[in-house]
Amino acid sequence: MENGIDTGALTVTSKSGKKIIDNVRIIVPAGKAYALLGKDNKTRRLFMRLAAANLKDAAFCEDEERLFSFMTCKEYLRYGLGGFKTNGQELDERATALLDMVSLARRANRKLKRLKKAEYLCLCAAYSLINGAEKVLLNADTLPCRRKNRKALDRLIYGLKAQGKSALVNPAKKKLCGKSIDAVTEL
């Protein structure tokens, strides 16, 4: 497994002393995407956060509050890239490359407030990848299980895999796992 995700063995105990997760280990090779499925959303979220904490050079992507809803997708990414000492053309090229990676190139000039949930999650992934992380933890359990959302998630995963990135996905339901996800790990 070269440059993939290895969460390591995790053991979690709740405040009442009940074990929630016992010795879970997930290994995702480079350029692959695995889905996390389980009955308890809280458990899955907790696992994703612990996995993120255990990993270096990992981007954690989830649908967050749209504080910059007045911006376009490209403006939002340019804002995130603002700390890098590059000229305007290089910022534009980098923002365009990130939008391409997450299949949002056609939405570059759309305002954030007009994006659908799955599109916004894709944008969050692009923003999280500004620093070039190779490992992506994608919390998609906020997405309603609709065909459009599954297609958007598929395009996002295909784009990440094409770049050789490892993705650990936390979908709302098994139906959200399209052809892009190589294996499903049951908790």
Protein backbone atom coordinates (compact mmCIF):
# COMPACT_ATOMS: atom_id res chain seq x y z
CA MET A 1 0.00 0.00 0.00
CA GLU A 2 1.80 3.09 -1.23
CA ASN A 3 0.66 6.47 0.14
CA GLY A 4 -2.76 5.08 1.05
CA ILE A 5 -4.90 5.47 4.16
CA ASP A 6 -4.26 3.27 7.16
CA THR A 7 -6.40 4.38 10.08
CA GLY A 8 -4.57 2.17 12.53
CA ALA A 9 -6.39 0.24 15.24
CA LEU A 10 -8.92 2.43 17.03
CA THR A 11 -10.76 1.70 20.25
CA VAL A 12 -13.41 4.11 21.49
CA THR A 13 -15.35 3.98 24.75
CA SER A 14 -18.39 6.11 25.53
CA LYS A 15 -18.85 8.03 28.80
CA SER A 16 -20.99 5.19 30.15
CA GLY A 17 -18.09 2.80 29.57
CA LYS A 18 -19.79 0.99 26.68
CA LYS A 19 -17.46 0.26 23.76
CA ILE A 20 -18.66 1.90 20.57
CA ILE A 21 -15.89 0.82 18.23
CA ASP A 22 -13.45 -1.92 19.10
CA ASN A 23 -10.20 -2.39 17.23
CA VAL A 24 -11.34 -1.16 13.82
CA ARG A 25 -8.68 -0.84 11.16
CA ILE A 26 -9.31 0.26 7.60
CA ILE A 27 -6.68 0.28 4.90
CA VAL A 28 -7.36 2.14 1.66
CA PRO A 29 -4.70 1.82 -1.08
CA ALA A 30 -3.66 4.85 -3.13
CA GLY A 31 -6.11 5.69 -5.91
CA LYS A 32 -8.97 3.76 -4.27
CA ALA A 33 -12.17 4.73 -2.48
CA TYR A 34 -13.78 2.70 0.31
CA ALA A 35 -17.13 3.38 1.92
CA LEU A 36 -17.93 3.17 5.60
CA LEU A 37 -21.35 1.74 6.36
CA GLY A 38 -22.98 1.25 9.71
CA LYS A 39 -26.31 1.52 11.48
CA ASP A 40 -25.36 4.31 13.88
CA ASN A 41 -24.62 7.71 12.29
CA LYS A 42 -22.97 8.99 15.48
CA THR A 43 -20.61 6.05 15.50
CA ARG A 44 -19.65 6.63 11.89
CA ARG A 45 -19.06 10.34 12.43
CA LEU A 46 -16.95 9.64 15.48
CA PHE A 47 -14.95 7.11 13.53
CA MET A 48 -14.34 9.57 10.69
CA ARG A 49 -13.10 12.21 13.12
CA LEU A 50 -10.81 9.74 14.88
CA ALA A 51 -9.48 8.51 11.56
CA ALA A 52 -8.80 12.09 10.52
CA ALA A 53 -7.00 12.74 13.79
CA ASN A 54 -4.83 9.66 13.24
CA LEU A 55 -3.75 10.68 9.76
CA LYS A 56 -1.19 13.19 8.60
CA ASP A 57 -1.56 14.90 5.24
CA ALA A 58 -5.28 14.13 5.19
CA ALA A 59 -8.16 16.40 4.18
CA PHE A 60 -11.46 16.01 6.04
CA CYS A 61 -14.39 17.14 3.89
CA GLU A 62 -17.95 17.61 5.05
CA ASP A 63 -20.84 19.90 4.23
CA GLU A 64 -20.37 22.96 6.44
CA GLU A 65 -22.25 26.18 6.92
CA ARG A 66 -22.11 28.34 3.81
CA LEU A 67 -20.56 31.43 5.35
CA PHE A 68 -19.32 32.67 1.98
CA SER A 69 -22.57 32.07 0.08
CA PHE A 70 -22.20 35.39 -1.77
CA MET A 71 -19.02 34.14 -3.53
CA THR A 72 -18.78 32.04 -6.65
CA CYS A 73 -17.04 28.64 -6.50
CA LYS A 74 -13.93 30.05 -8.15
CA GLU A 75 -13.84 33.11 -5.90
CA TYR A 76 -14.13 30.84 -2.84
CA LEU A 77 -11.16 28.73 -3.94
CA ARG A 78 -9.15 31.84 -4.82
CA TYR A 79 -9.89 33.12 -1.32
CA GLY A 80 -8.57 29.85 0.14
CA LEU A 81 -5.47 30.08 -2.04
CA GLY A 82 -4.87 33.69 -0.99
CA GLY A 83 -2.14 32.77 1.49
CA PHE A 84 0.07 31.35 -1.27
CA LYS A 85 2.48 33.82 -2.83
CA THR A 86 1.42 33.46 -6.44
CA ASN A 87 0.16 35.84 -9.07
CA GLY A 88 -3.46 36.12 -10.22
CA GLN A 89 -3.07 33.87 -13.24
CA GLU A 90 -1.50 31.06 -11.18
CA LEU A 91 -4.31 31.38 -8.61
CA ASP A 92 -6.87 31.08 -11.41
CA GLU A 93 -5.14 28.02 -12.87
CA ARG A 94 -4.93 26.31 -9.46
CA ALA A 95 -8.60 27.09 -8.69
CA THR A 96 -9.62 25.75 -12.11
CA ALA A 97 -7.57 22.57 -11.58
CA LEU A 98 -9.26 21.99 -8.20
CA LEU A 99 -12.72 22.52 -9.71
CA ASP A 100 -11.84 20.07 -12.50
CA MET A 101 -10.68 17.48 -9.96
CA VAL A 102 -14.05 17.54 -8.17
CA SER A 103 -16.10 17.85 -11.39
CA LEU A 104 -17.30 21.39 -10.70
CA ALA A 105 -15.69 23.14 -13.67
CA ARG A 106 -19.11 24.00 -15.11
CA ARG A 107 -20.13 25.54 -11.78
CA ALA A 108 -17.07 27.81 -11.48
CA ASN A 109 -19.12 31.02 -11.69
CA ARG A 110 -22.13 29.81 -9.71
CA LYS A 111 -22.75 31.36 -6.29
CA LEU A 112 -22.32 29.02 -3.33
CA LYS A 113 -25.87 29.67 -2.16
CA ARG A 114 -27.14 28.21 -5.48
CA LEU A 115 -25.22 24.93 -5.21
CA LYS A 116 -27.05 21.73 -4.39
CA LYS A 117 -25.90 19.81 -1.28
CA ALA A 118 -23.79 17.30 -3.20
CA GLU A 119 -22.19 20.06 -5.29
CA TYR A 120 -21.36 21.97 -2.14
CA LEU A 121 -19.75 18.87 -0.64
CA CYS A 122 -17.63 18.62 -3.81
CA LEU A 123 -16.60 22.25 -3.34
CA CYS A 124 -15.70 21.54 0.30
CA ALA A 125 -13.49 18.71 -0.99
CA ALA A 126 -11.79 21.08 -3.45
CA TYR A 127 -11.22 23.64 -0.67
CA SER A 128 -9.82 20.94 1.63
CA LEU A 129 -7.38 19.85 -1.09
CA ILE A 130 -5.83 23.30 -1.50
CA ASN A 131 -2.74 22.11 0.38
CA GLY A 132 -2.42 19.05 -1.86
CA ALA A 133 -3.37 16.32 0.64
CA GLU A 134 -3.09 12.78 -0.74
CA LYS A 135 -5.66 11.26 1.64
CA VAL A 136 -9.28 12.35 1.74
CA LEU A 137 -11.85 11.57 4.45
CA LEU A 138 -15.23 12.42 2.96
CA ASN A 139 -18.25 12.72 5.24
CA ALA A 140 -21.22 12.32 2.89
CA ASP A 141 -23.75 11.26 5.52
CA THR A 142 -25.46 14.65 5.26
CA LEU A 143 -26.54 13.90 1.68
CA PRO A 144 -30.09 12.73 1.04
CA CYS A 145 -30.08 9.49 -0.95
CA ARG A 146 -31.06 10.84 -4.37
CA ARG A 147 -29.89 9.93 -7.85
CA LYS A 148 -28.40 13.40 -8.48
CA ASN A 149 -26.43 13.21 -5.25
CA ARG A 150 -25.12 9.74 -6.12
CA LYS A 151 -23.98 10.99 -9.54
CA ALA A 152 -22.24 14.01 -8.01
CA LEU A 153 -20.53 11.81 -5.40
CA ASP A 154 -19.46 9.38 -8.14
CA ARG A 155 -17.93 12.21 -10.19
CA LEU A 156 -16.12 13.49 -7.10
CA ILE A 157 -14.67 10.05 -6.28
CA TYR A 158 -13.64 9.42 -9.91
CA GLY A 159 -11.85 12.79 -9.94
CA LEU A 160 -10.01 12.03 -6.70
CA LYS A 161 -9.02 8.55 -7.86
CA ALA A 162 -7.79 9.93 -11.19
CA GLN A 163 -5.39 12.10 -9.17
CA GLY A 164 -4.18 9.02 -7.25
CA LYS A 165 -5.79 10.10 -3.98
CA SER A 166 -7.10 7.65 -1.38
CA ALA A 167 -10.65 8.30 -0.22
CA LEU A 168 -12.48 7.00 2.83
CA VAL A 169 -16.17 7.83 2.33
CA ASN A 170 -18.92 7.97 4.92
CA PRO A 171 -22.21 7.82 2.93
CA ALA A 172 -25.71 8.30 4.33
CA LYS A 173 -26.93 5.04 2.81
CA LYS A 174 -25.52 2.15 0.84
CA LYS A 175 -27.47 3.37 -2.20
CA LEU A 176 -25.12 6.37 -2.39
CA CYS A 177 -22.21 4.02 -3.16
CA GLY A 178 -21.96 4.02 -6.95
CA LYS A 179 -19.51 2.23 -9.22
CA SER A 180 -16.74 4.62 -8.20
CA ILE A 181 -16.34 3.06 -4.74
CA ASP A 182 -14.15 -0.03 -4.90
CA ALA A 183 -15.05 -1.75 -1.65
CA VAL A 184 -17.51 -1.43 1.18
CA THR A 185 -16.38 -2.01 4.75
CA GLU A 186 -19.08 -2.85 7.27
CA LEU A 187 -18.54 -1.63 10.83
